[in-house]
């Protein structure tokens, strides 16, 4: 990762741009985790509301007929209005951490509370896996919640969705192939152009390439919509499953375009970070793979499982996707901890600014800790 651009100005430019790397990557992952969590939560809540709608009306009517129960309900609602969302305060409170022991709630330490929270997270994951195994078993035995699974409808929907997926990515790859010469020219001008400083040329060319990349993604998105509307299923109608994939494609490919601005592996003049093409290709592939796995998994696979099988199984699938992504991310971070630390220290030694030198040295020692903490937070919050 120690390689720099041929021009001397590129090295200085990259050192100035490097402190924005952590902010950039946090924004990318936060944009991905937000829609994914909302998609999973809304799907599960909509399925649960349908099954509980009728009993809740009868119970509410009986409750309102009793004057004492009605008064208690009013007091309960007023108390809930000033409290945290249901379950959040209880899970993080010292009382919950002290449950089952002889320690007073006010004496419970922070590590004990974190241990209790971790235990609940592990318990929730285990419970979801058990429920998923039971539902899958019911599908094959024809019993329980999985007995309503329609294999014929599922296979038909899977084939139609597969056609849309293949067509959309094929259109995207064709457009990128056609724009290859344009990216090459922009990269060449960034490295060897005249009339502007290297800093301005680099920033300007990266911005132009990003606009072109976004246009290609938009064209592929429109092409996929046309295929889904007129070539698959009933003509003139866009199915919900195709809409799920196309929306996910748009969001995820835009995130990948943001990653390519930092780690452009094919065009050296369009790479903001001072790393070799081999290093850029490695990190670009890793981030693209991680974004794609989490994004398409939570924004396409989980809602489809919720609809065609069961919301419980969909929630378990989402948890499994996040668990695999977390393990994969932790493995890559630990594998590259020393190598990236040495590269950052080499960049620090070449820096002429004291502030940049100190910042790079601190970041070299702690970058893996920030990455691990961030991935852990995303994993816990998306459960």
Protein backbone atom coordinates (compact mmCIF):
# COMPACT_ATOMS: atom_id res chain seq x y z
CA UNK A 1 0.00 0.00 0.00
CA UNK A 2 3.06 2.17 -0.02
CA UNK A 3 3.01 2.91 -3.75
CA UNK A 4 2.15 6.42 -4.84
CA UNK A 5 1.10 8.06 -8.08
CA UNK A 6 3.82 9.00 -10.54
CA UNK A 7 3.34 12.73 -10.09
CA UNK A 8 4.74 14.24 -6.91
CA UNK A 9 1.58 16.23 -6.32
CA UNK A 10 -0.50 13.08 -6.12
CA UNK A 11 1.35 11.89 -3.00
CA UNK A 12 0.61 15.13 -1.15
CA UNK A 13 -2.96 15.10 -2.38
CA UNK A 14 -3.52 11.56 -1.17
CA UNK A 15 -2.13 12.33 2.28
CA UNK A 16 -4.58 15.20 2.59
CA UNK A 17 -7.49 13.07 1.45
CA UNK A 18 -6.68 10.05 3.65
CA UNK A 19 -8.29 11.36 6.90
CA UNK A 20 -11.64 11.37 5.07
CA UNK A 21 -11.44 7.62 4.40
CA UNK A 22 -13.00 6.53 7.70
CA UNK A 23 -15.83 9.06 7.41
CA UNK A 24 -16.48 7.99 3.81
CA UNK A 25 -16.65 4.29 4.65
CA UNK A 26 -18.86 4.87 7.71
CA UNK A 27 -21.28 6.80 5.53
CA UNK A 28 -21.35 4.01 2.94
CA UNK A 29 -22.09 1.30 5.49
CA UNK A 30 -24.60 3.44 7.38
CA UNK A 31 -26.52 4.11 4.16
CA UNK A 32 -26.58 0.39 3.51
CA UNK A 33 -27.54 -0.71 7.02
CA UNK A 34 -30.37 1.84 7.36
CA UNK A 35 -32.59 0.71 4.46
CA UNK A 36 -31.80 -2.93 5.20
CA UNK A 37 -32.94 -2.70 8.81
CA UNK A 38 -36.06 -0.80 7.83
CA UNK A 39 -36.90 -3.32 5.10
CA UNK A 40 -36.57 -6.31 7.45
CA UNK A 41 -38.46 -4.67 10.29
CA UNK A 42 -41.36 -3.47 8.17
CA UNK A 43 -41.78 -6.87 6.52
CA UNK A 44 -41.87 -8.70 9.83
CA UNK A 45 -44.27 -6.20 11.37
CA UNK A 46 -46.68 -6.33 8.42
CA UNK A 47 -46.89 -10.13 8.60
CA UNK A 48 -47.39 -10.10 12.34
CA UNK A 49 -50.12 -7.45 12.20
CA UNK A 50 -52.26 -9.56 9.86
CA UNK A 51 -52.29 -12.56 12.20
CA UNK A 52 -52.94 -10.53 15.36
CA UNK A 53 -55.49 -8.08 14.00
CA UNK A 54 -58.69 -10.01 14.79
CA UNK A 55 -57.86 -11.17 18.37
CA UNK A 56 -56.69 -7.66 19.35
CA UNK A 57 -60.05 -6.09 18.47
CA UNK A 58 -62.01 -8.54 20.62
CA UNK A 59 -59.61 -8.17 23.54
CA UNK A 60 -59.74 -4.37 23.29
CA UNK A 61 -63.55 -4.37 23.30
CA UNK A 62 -63.64 -6.55 26.44
CA UNK A 63 -61.07 -4.32 28.10
CA UNK A 64 -63.00 -1.11 27.44
CA UNK A 65 -66.21 -2.57 28.90
CA UNK A 66 -64.53 -2.96 32.31
CA UNK A 67 -64.27 0.44 34.03
CA UNK A 68 -61.37 -0.56 36.29
CA UNK A 69 -59.42 -2.10 33.41
CA UNK A 70 -60.10 0.99 31.30
CA UNK A 71 -58.65 3.25 33.98
CA UNK A 72 -55.58 1.06 34.32
CA UNK A 73 -55.09 1.17 30.58
CA UNK A 74 -55.21 4.98 30.58
CA UNK A 75 -52.58 5.15 33.35
CA UNK A 76 -50.40 2.66 31.53
CA UNK A 77 -50.52 4.64 28.30
CA UNK A 78 -49.62 7.86 30.10
CA UNK A 79 -46.65 6.19 31.76
CA UNK A 80 -45.47 4.69 28.47
CA UNK A 81 -45.56 8.10 26.79
CA UNK A 82 -42.64 9.31 28.94
CA UNK A 83 -40.53 6.17 28.68
CA UNK A 84 -38.11 4.75 26.16
CA UNK A 85 -39.37 2.46 23.39
CA UNK A 86 -40.60 -0.90 24.58
CA UNK A 87 -37.80 -3.25 25.52
CA UNK A 88 -34.90 -0.83 25.08
CA UNK A 89 -34.81 0.54 28.62
CA UNK A 90 -35.47 -2.88 30.14
CA UNK A 91 -32.65 -4.57 28.25
CA UNK A 92 -30.06 -1.93 29.13
CA UNK A 93 -31.17 -1.22 32.70
CA UNK A 94 -29.16 -2.28 35.77
CA UNK A 95 -32.27 -4.11 37.05
CA UNK A 96 -32.12 -6.45 34.05
CA UNK A 97 -28.43 -7.06 34.57
CA UNK A 98 -28.98 -7.79 38.28
CA UNK A 99 -31.80 -10.27 37.64
CA UNK A 100 -30.98 -13.74 38.89
CA UNK A 101 -28.27 -12.59 41.30
CA UNK A 102 -27.80 -11.09 44.76
CA UNK A 103 -26.37 -7.79 43.51
CA UNK A 104 -28.42 -4.64 43.89
CA UNK A 105 -29.28 -2.90 40.59
CA UNK A 106 -27.35 0.25 41.53
CA UNK A 107 -24.20 -1.83 42.17
CA UNK A 108 -24.16 -3.56 38.78
CA UNK A 109 -21.04 -2.63 36.83
CA UNK A 110 -20.93 -1.61 33.19
CA UNK A 111 -19.11 -4.81 32.12
CA UNK A 112 -21.88 -6.84 33.80
CA UNK A 113 -24.55 -4.91 31.88
CA UNK A 114 -22.66 -5.42 28.60
CA UNK A 115 -22.31 -9.12 29.36
CA UNK A 116 -26.05 -9.40 29.94
CA UNK A 117 -26.77 -7.58 26.68
CA UNK A 118 -24.39 -9.87 24.80
CA UNK A 119 -26.07 -12.90 26.36
CA UNK A 120 -29.47 -11.71 25.17
CA UNK A 121 -28.15 -11.11 21.64
CA UNK A 122 -26.70 -14.63 21.50
CA UNK A 123 -29.95 -16.02 22.89
CA UNK A 124 -31.99 -14.19 20.25
CA UNK A 125 -29.75 -15.54 17.47
CA UNK A 126 -30.06 -19.07 18.83
CA UNK A 127 -33.83 -18.79 19.08
CA UNK A 128 -34.14 -17.54 15.51
CA UNK A 129 -32.02 -20.41 14.22
CA UNK A 130 -34.16 -22.97 16.07
CA UNK A 131 -37.35 -21.46 14.65
CA UNK A 132 -35.86 -21.41 11.14
CA UNK A 133 -34.91 -25.09 11.36
CA UNK A 134 -38.42 -25.96 12.55
CA UNK A 135 -40.06 -24.03 9.70
CA UNK A 136 -37.82 -25.61 7.06
CA UNK A 137 -38.64 -29.02 8.50
CA UNK A 138 -42.36 -28.23 8.34
CA UNK A 139 -42.02 -27.31 4.66
CA UNK A 140 -40.83 -30.80 3.80
CA UNK A 141 -43.20 -32.62 6.17
CA UNK A 142 -46.27 -30.51 5.29
CA UNK A 143 -46.98 -29.58 8.89
CA UNK A 144 -47.16 -26.38 10.92
CA UNK A 145 -46.48 -22.90 9.58
CA UNK A 146 -44.60 -24.18 6.53
CA UNK A 147 -47.49 -26.31 5.26
CA UNK A 148 -48.89 -23.38 3.21
CA UNK A 149 -45.71 -23.08 1.15
CA UNK A 150 -46.53 -23.21 -2.58
CA UNK A 151 -43.49 -24.63 -4.39
CA UNK A 152 -44.95 -24.06 -7.88
CA UNK A 153 -45.62 -20.37 -7.22
CA UNK A 154 -42.20 -19.98 -5.64
CA UNK A 155 -40.39 -21.55 -8.61
CA UNK A 156 -42.32 -19.41 -11.09
CA UNK A 157 -41.48 -16.25 -9.15
CA UNK A 158 -37.83 -17.31 -8.85
CA UNK A 159 -37.51 -17.87 -12.62
CA UNK A 160 -39.08 -14.51 -13.44
CA UNK A 161 -36.90 -12.73 -10.91
CA UNK A 162 -33.82 -14.53 -12.23
CA UNK A 163 -34.55 -13.26 -15.74
CA UNK A 164 -34.78 -9.69 -14.44
CA UNK A 165 -31.54 -10.04 -12.48
CA UNK A 166 -29.58 -11.46 -15.41
CA UNK A 167 -30.96 -8.87 -17.83
CA UNK A 168 -30.21 -5.94 -15.50
CA UNK A 169 -26.62 -6.96 -14.85
CA UNK A 170 -26.07 -7.75 -18.54
CA UNK A 171 -27.27 -4.27 -19.51
CA UNK A 172 -25.04 -2.73 -16.84
CA UNK A 173 -21.96 -4.65 -18.01
CA UNK A 174 -22.60 -3.68 -21.65
CA UNK A 175 -22.87 0.01 -20.73
CA UNK A 176 -19.66 -0.16 -18.67
CA UNK A 177 -17.87 -1.85 -21.55
CA UNK A 178 -18.96 0.92 -23.91
CA UNK A 179 -17.79 3.58 -21.44
CA UNK A 180 -14.37 1.97 -20.92
CA UNK A 181 -12.61 4.21 -23.45
CA UNK A 182 -14.14 7.30 -21.83
CA UNK A 183 -12.85 6.30 -18.38
CA UNK A 184 -9.41 5.64 -19.91
CA UNK A 185 -9.28 9.12 -21.46
CA UNK A 186 -10.39 10.80 -18.22
CA UNK A 187 -7.76 8.86 -16.28
CA UNK A 188 -5.05 9.77 -18.78
CA UNK A 189 -5.86 13.47 -18.58
CA UNK A 190 -5.82 13.25 -14.78
CA UNK A 191 -2.25 11.91 -14.84
CA UNK A 192 -0.73 13.79 -17.78
CA UNK A 193 -2.97 16.77 -18.43
CA UNK A 194 -1.88 20.40 -18.29
CA UNK A 195 -3.48 23.68 -17.29
CA UNK A 196 -4.45 22.71 -13.75
CA UNK A 197 -2.63 21.57 -10.66
CA UNK A 198 -2.49 17.81 -9.99
CA UNK A 199 -4.85 18.26 -7.06
CA UNK A 200 -7.56 19.95 -9.11
CA UNK A 201 -7.14 17.51 -12.00
CA UNK A 202 -7.50 14.51 -9.72
CA UNK A 203 -10.60 15.82 -7.95
CA UNK A 204 -12.21 17.03 -11.17
CA UNK A 205 -11.59 13.79 -13.05
CA UNK A 206 -12.88 11.65 -10.16
CA UNK A 207 -16.02 13.78 -10.04
CA UNK A 208 -16.57 13.48 -13.82
CA UNK A 209 -16.03 9.71 -13.68
CA UNK A 210 -18.48 9.44 -10.78
CA UNK A 211 -21.15 11.28 -12.78
CA UNK A 212 -20.63 8.94 -15.73
CA UNK A 213 -20.77 5.93 -13.40
CA UNK A 214 -24.05 7.13 -11.90
CA UNK A 215 -25.53 7.65 -15.38
CA UNK A 216 -24.59 4.08 -16.35
CA UNK A 217 -26.25 2.74 -13.20
CA UNK A 218 -29.38 4.76 -13.91
CA UNK A 219 -29.54 3.47 -17.49
CA UNK A 220 -29.19 -0.12 -16.29
CA UNK A 221 -31.90 0.51 -13.72
CA UNK A 222 -34.25 1.84 -16.39
CA UNK A 223 -33.40 -1.08 -18.67
CA UNK A 224 -34.16 -3.56 -15.90
CA UNK A 225 -37.50 -1.89 -15.27
CA UNK A 226 -38.38 -2.17 -18.95
CA UNK A 227 -37.50 -5.86 -19.00
CA UNK A 228 -39.46 -6.53 -15.80
CA UNK A 229 -42.48 -4.60 -17.08
CA UNK A 230 -42.78 -5.77 -20.67
CA UNK A 231 -40.78 -9.02 -21.01
CA UNK A 232 -41.46 -10.89 -17.75
CA UNK A 233 -44.81 -11.88 -16.26
CA UNK A 234 -47.88 -9.91 -17.29
CA UNK A 235 -47.13 -7.19 -19.83
CA UNK A 236 -47.39 -3.66 -18.46
CA UNK A 237 -47.09 -4.64 -14.77
CA UNK A 238 -44.02 -4.42 -12.55
CA UNK A 239 -44.08 -7.16 -9.92
CA UNK A 240 -43.20 -6.44 -6.31
CA UNK A 241 -40.29 -8.89 -6.30
CA UNK A 242 -38.77 -7.24 -9.40
CA UNK A 243 -39.23 -3.84 -7.81
CA UNK A 244 -37.44 -5.06 -4.67
CA UNK A 245 -34.43 -6.19 -6.68
CA UNK A 246 -34.27 -3.10 -8.90
CA UNK A 247 -34.43 -0.72 -5.94
CA UNK A 248 -31.73 -2.72 -4.19
CA UNK A 249 -29.64 -2.71 -7.39
CA UNK A 250 -29.85 1.08 -7.61
CA UNK A 251 -28.83 1.66 -3.99
CA UNK A 252 -26.09 -0.96 -3.87
CA UNK A 253 -24.47 0.00 -7.17
CA UNK A 254 -24.43 3.65 -6.11
CA UNK A 255 -22.62 2.59 -2.95
CA UNK A 256 -20.16 0.59 -5.05
CA UNK A 257 -19.62 3.64 -7.26
CA UNK A 258 -18.64 5.56 -4.13
CA UNK A 259 -16.16 2.81 -3.26
CA UNK A 260 -14.69 2.95 -6.79
CA UNK A 261 -13.94 6.64 -6.28
CA UNK A 262 -11.55 5.61 -3.50
CA UNK A 263 -10.27 2.27 -4.83
CA UNK A 264 -10.37 2.51 -8.61
CA UNK A 265 -8.32 -0.54 -9.56
CA UNK A 266 -8.34 -0.20 -13.37
CA UNK A 267 -7.80 3.55 -13.76
CA UNK A 268 -4.93 4.95 -11.73
CA UNK A 269 -5.80 8.53 -12.52
CA UNK A 270 -9.28 8.09 -10.97
CA UNK A 271 -8.06 6.69 -7.63
CA UNK A 272 -8.18 9.06 -4.66
CA UNK A 273 -6.03 6.92 -2.37
CA UNK A 274 -2.24 6.51 -2.84
CA UNK A 275 -2.20 2.72 -3.24
CA UNK A 276 -1.11 0.34 -5.96
CA UNK A 277 -3.52 -1.20 -8.45
CA UNK A 278 -3.19 -4.57 -6.71
CA UNK A 279 -4.07 -3.11 -3.32
CA UNK A 280 -6.94 -1.12 -4.79
CA UNK A 281 -8.33 -4.23 -6.47
CA UNK A 282 -8.18 -6.19 -3.21
CA UNK A 283 -10.05 -3.61 -1.11
CA UNK A 284 -12.49 -2.79 -3.89
CA UNK A 285 -13.44 -6.46 -4.29
CA UNK A 286 -13.79 -6.95 -0.53
CA UNK A 287 -16.01 -3.93 0.01
CA UNK A 288 -18.10 -4.64 -3.10
CA UNK A 289 -18.58 -8.25 -1.99
CA UNK A 290 -19.57 -7.19 1.52
CA UNK A 291 -21.99 -4.51 0.32
CA UNK A 292 -23.56 -6.86 -2.21
CA UNK A 293 -24.01 -9.72 0.25
CA UNK A 294 -25.61 -7.59 2.95
CA UNK A 295 -27.58 -5.36 0.59
CA UNK A 296 -29.12 -7.95 -1.72
CA UNK A 297 -29.57 -10.36 1.17
CA UNK A 298 -31.51 -8.01 3.43
CA UNK A 299 -33.27 -5.96 0.76
CA UNK A 300 -34.28 -8.79 -1.60
CA UNK A 301 -33.90 -12.27 -0.11
CA UNK A 302 -35.37 -11.53 3.34
CA UNK A 303 -38.57 -9.79 2.09
CA UNK A 304 -39.17 -12.59 -0.42
CA UNK A 305 -38.76 -15.25 2.27
CA UNK A 306 -41.13 -13.27 4.50
CA UNK A 307 -43.75 -13.26 1.75
CA UNK A 308 -43.46 -16.77 0.32
CA UNK A 309 -42.52 -18.78 3.44
CA UNK A 310 -42.76 -17.14 6.88
CA UNK A 311 -41.69 -13.93 8.60
CA UNK A 312 -39.88 -15.93 11.28
CA UNK A 313 -37.74 -17.69 8.69
CA UNK A 314 -37.07 -14.37 6.96
CA UNK A 315 -35.84 -12.87 10.22
CA UNK A 316 -33.57 -15.88 10.76
CA UNK A 317 -32.18 -15.57 7.23
CA UNK A 318 -31.46 -11.89 7.84
CA UNK A 319 -29.64 -12.73 11.07
CA UNK A 320 -27.61 -15.42 9.31
CA UNK A 321 -26.62 -12.97 6.55
CA UNK A 322 -25.47 -10.39 9.06
CA UNK A 323 -23.59 -13.02 11.07
CA UNK A 324 -21.73 -14.25 7.97
CA UNK A 325 -20.97 -10.66 6.92
CA UNK A 326 -19.68 -9.87 10.43
CA UNK A 327 -17.40 -12.93 10.48
CA UNK A 328 -16.14 -12.14 6.98
CA UNK A 329 -15.42 -8.50 7.85
CA UNK A 330 -13.66 -9.36 11.12
CA UNK A 331 -11.52 -11.96 9.33
CA UNK A 332 -10.40 -9.48 6.67
CA UNK A 333 -9.64 -6.77 9.24
CA UNK A 334 -7.54 -9.08 11.41
CA UNK A 335 -5.78 -10.55 8.38
CA UNK A 336 -4.66 -7.11 7.15
CA UNK A 337 -4.08 -5.46 10.53
CA UNK A 338 -0.28 -5.59 10.48
CA UNK A 339 0.13 -4.96 6.75
CA UNK A 340 -2.07 -1.86 6.80
CA UNK A 341 -0.38 -0.63 9.97
CA UNK A 342 3.05 -0.84 8.33
CA UNK A 343 1.82 0.91 5.20
CA UNK A 344 0.29 3.73 7.22
CA UNK A 345 3.52 4.13 9.19
CA UNK A 346 5.46 4.39 5.91
CA UNK A 347 3.07 7.09 4.72
CA UNK A 348 3.53 8.87 8.03
CA UNK A 349 7.29 8.84 7.60
CA UNK A 350 6.99 10.47 4.17
CA UNK A 351 4.60 13.19 5.38
CA UNK A 352 6.03 16.70 5.74
CA UNK A 353 3.25 17.96 8.04
CA UNK A 354 3.45 17.23 11.75
CA UNK A 355 -0.34 16.98 12.11
CA UNK A 356 -0.58 14.44 9.26
CA UNK A 357 2.34 12.43 10.65
CA UNK A 358 0.82 12.17 14.13
CA UNK A 359 -2.66 11.42 12.79
CA UNK A 360 -1.37 8.63 10.55
CA UNK A 361 0.65 7.09 13.38
CA UNK A 362 -2.37 7.06 15.70
CA UNK A 363 -4.61 5.68 12.98
CA UNK A 364 -2.06 2.96 12.17
CA UNK A 365 -2.23 1.71 15.76
CA UNK A 366 -5.99 1.87 16.20
CA UNK A 367 -7.62 1.47 12.78
CA UNK A 368 -8.50 -2.19 13.34
CA UNK A 369 -10.14 -1.40 16.68
CA UNK A 370 -12.41 1.22 15.11
CA UNK A 371 -13.28 -1.18 12.29
CA UNK A 372 -14.09 -4.06 14.67
CA UNK A 373 -16.20 -1.85 16.94
CA UNK A 374 -18.11 -0.46 13.98
CA UNK A 375 -18.86 -3.87 12.49
CA UNK A 376 -19.95 -5.14 15.91
CA UNK A 377 -22.34 -2.19 16.35
CA UNK A 378 -23.86 -2.74 12.91
CA UNK A 379 -24.32 -6.44 13.63
CA UNK A 380 -26.03 -5.85 17.00
CA UNK A 381 -28.28 -3.06 15.71
CA UNK A 382 -29.50 -5.08 12.74
CA UNK A 383 -30.58 -8.10 14.80
